């Protein structure tokens, strides 16, 4: 069982930056793949980024590639999402997610979810 708590959302400006954090409980955090999803207004939840337990494998959605960076600190049980060059279309509730490996995580299979944090980007 993994419990996830996101923080760092808020209001950003187009072209600006925000950093999301996700603190996980449980001693097995370092064995889980971690990721971020988002759900914009009137849209389905979509994959944003994922990182393997070691940090050796990282995946991004095409829409955020080159602008967002996912990272993790296993000593702090925390995963981060650095969001640069923000666009209004990045406005969404961002969810932290955990799964045993990156494959199921990207497919939203057997995933633990955080409660979400709102990110709003103004133009």
Protein backbone atom coordinates (compact mmCIF):
# COMPACT_ATOMS: atom_id res chain seq x y z
CA UNK A 1 0.00 0.00 0.00
CA UNK A 2 1.29 3.44 -0.96
CA UNK A 3 -0.28 6.73 0.05
CA UNK A 4 0.51 9.79 -2.04
CA UNK A 5 0.14 13.49 -1.26
CA UNK A 6 0.75 16.13 -3.92
CA UNK A 7 1.74 19.74 -3.33
CA UNK A 8 3.03 22.71 -5.29
CA UNK A 9 0.10 23.42 -7.55
CA UNK A 10 -1.33 26.87 -8.03
CA UNK A 11 -1.49 29.68 -10.52
CA UNK A 12 1.23 30.11 -13.10
CA UNK A 13 1.71 32.32 -16.11
CA UNK A 14 2.26 31.24 -19.67
CA UNK A 15 5.96 30.80 -20.19
CA UNK A 16 6.57 30.44 -16.48
CA UNK A 17 7.41 27.51 -14.24
CA UNK A 18 5.90 25.51 -11.44
CA UNK A 19 7.21 22.54 -9.49
CA UNK A 20 4.99 19.80 -8.16
CA UNK A 21 6.00 17.43 -5.38
CA UNK A 22 4.50 14.13 -4.32
CA UNK A 23 5.33 12.69 -0.92
CA UNK A 24 4.77 8.97 -0.53
CA UNK A 25 4.30 6.97 2.62
CA UNK A 26 5.58 3.45 3.10
CA UNK A 27 8.99 1.89 3.27
CA UNK A 28 8.67 0.38 -0.20
CA UNK A 29 8.56 3.71 -2.10
CA UNK A 30 11.90 3.06 -3.74
CA UNK A 31 10.57 -0.14 -5.33
CA UNK A 32 7.69 1.60 -7.13
CA UNK A 33 7.60 3.30 -10.47
CA UNK A 34 6.15 6.79 -10.06
CA UNK A 35 4.39 9.11 -12.41
CA UNK A 36 2.14 12.06 -13.06
CA UNK A 37 -1.19 12.26 -14.82
CA UNK A 38 -3.47 15.21 -15.41
CA UNK A 39 -7.12 15.89 -16.10
CA UNK A 40 -8.07 19.14 -17.76
CA UNK A 41 -11.53 20.71 -17.76
CA UNK A 42 -13.93 18.48 -19.67
CA UNK A 43 -11.17 16.04 -20.55
CA UNK A 44 -10.21 12.52 -19.58
CA UNK A 45 -7.25 11.89 -17.34
CA UNK A 46 -4.06 11.58 -19.39
CA UNK A 47 -0.53 10.37 -18.83
CA UNK A 48 2.13 13.07 -18.34
CA UNK A 49 5.37 11.45 -17.16
CA UNK A 50 6.75 8.33 -15.49
CA UNK A 51 10.02 7.32 -13.85
CA UNK A 52 11.22 3.85 -12.90
CA UNK A 53 12.17 2.93 -9.34
CA UNK A 54 15.85 3.60 -10.04
CA UNK A 55 15.30 6.68 -12.16
CA UNK A 56 16.99 4.91 -15.03
CA UNK A 57 13.91 4.90 -17.27
CA UNK A 58 11.84 8.01 -17.88
CA UNK A 59 8.88 8.55 -20.17
CA UNK A 60 6.97 11.67 -21.21
CA UNK A 61 3.83 12.45 -23.11
CA UNK A 62 4.60 14.19 -26.38
CA UNK A 63 2.68 17.25 -25.21
CA UNK A 64 5.14 17.92 -22.38
CA UNK A 65 8.39 16.54 -23.76
CA UNK A 66 11.16 19.12 -23.57
CA UNK A 67 9.21 21.28 -21.11
CA UNK A 68 8.54 19.03 -18.10
CA UNK A 69 11.06 17.03 -16.10
CA UNK A 70 10.24 14.20 -13.71
CA UNK A 71 12.67 13.21 -10.98
CA UNK A 72 12.66 11.34 -7.70
CA UNK A 73 14.52 11.29 -4.41
CA UNK A 74 14.15 7.85 -2.85
CA UNK A 75 15.78 9.01 0.38
CA UNK A 76 12.95 11.53 0.78
CA UNK A 77 10.18 9.30 -0.61
CA UNK A 78 9.35 12.12 -3.02
CA UNK A 79 8.81 12.48 -6.73
CA UNK A 80 8.86 15.83 -8.52
CA UNK A 81 7.52 17.34 -11.70
CA UNK A 82 9.33 20.46 -12.87
CA UNK A 83 7.10 22.26 -15.35
CA UNK A 84 8.71 24.93 -17.53
CA UNK A 85 7.45 26.95 -20.47
CA UNK A 86 3.92 26.56 -19.19
CA UNK A 87 1.00 26.87 -21.58
CA UNK A 88 -2.67 27.57 -20.84
CA UNK A 89 -3.45 24.04 -22.08
CA UNK A 90 -1.40 22.68 -19.18
CA UNK A 91 -4.24 23.78 -16.90
CA UNK A 92 -5.47 20.65 -15.14
CA UNK A 93 -5.65 18.74 -11.91
CA UNK A 94 -2.35 16.89 -11.64
CA UNK A 95 -2.30 13.47 -10.00
CA UNK A 96 0.66 11.60 -8.61
CA UNK A 97 0.62 7.88 -9.29
CA UNK A 98 2.53 4.78 -8.23
CA UNK A 99 2.69 1.29 -9.66
CA UNK A 100 5.01 -1.70 -9.52
CA UNK A 101 6.57 -0.97 -12.90
CA UNK A 102 6.40 1.75 -15.55
CA UNK A 103 4.43 -0.31 -18.07
CA UNK A 104 1.28 -0.68 -15.95
CA UNK A 105 1.77 2.85 -14.64
CA UNK A 106 1.63 4.38 -18.11
CA UNK A 107 -1.48 2.27 -18.82
CA UNK A 108 -3.07 3.27 -15.48
CA UNK A 109 -3.22 -0.38 -14.40
CA UNK A 110 -2.98 -1.24 -10.70
CA UNK A 111 -2.15 2.34 -9.85
CA UNK A 112 -2.22 4.10 -6.49
CA UNK A 113 -3.42 7.68 -6.85
CA UNK A 114 -2.93 10.88 -4.93
CA UNK A 115 -5.79 13.29 -4.34
CA UNK A 116 -4.62 15.72 -7.03
CA UNK A 117 -3.42 19.31 -7.08
CA UNK A 118 -4.79 22.07 -9.30
CA UNK A 119 -2.52 23.84 -11.77
CA UNK A 120 -3.93 26.85 -13.58
CA UNK A 121 -1.93 28.63 -16.27
CA UNK A 122 -3.00 32.09 -17.33
CA UNK A 123 -2.21 33.53 -20.74
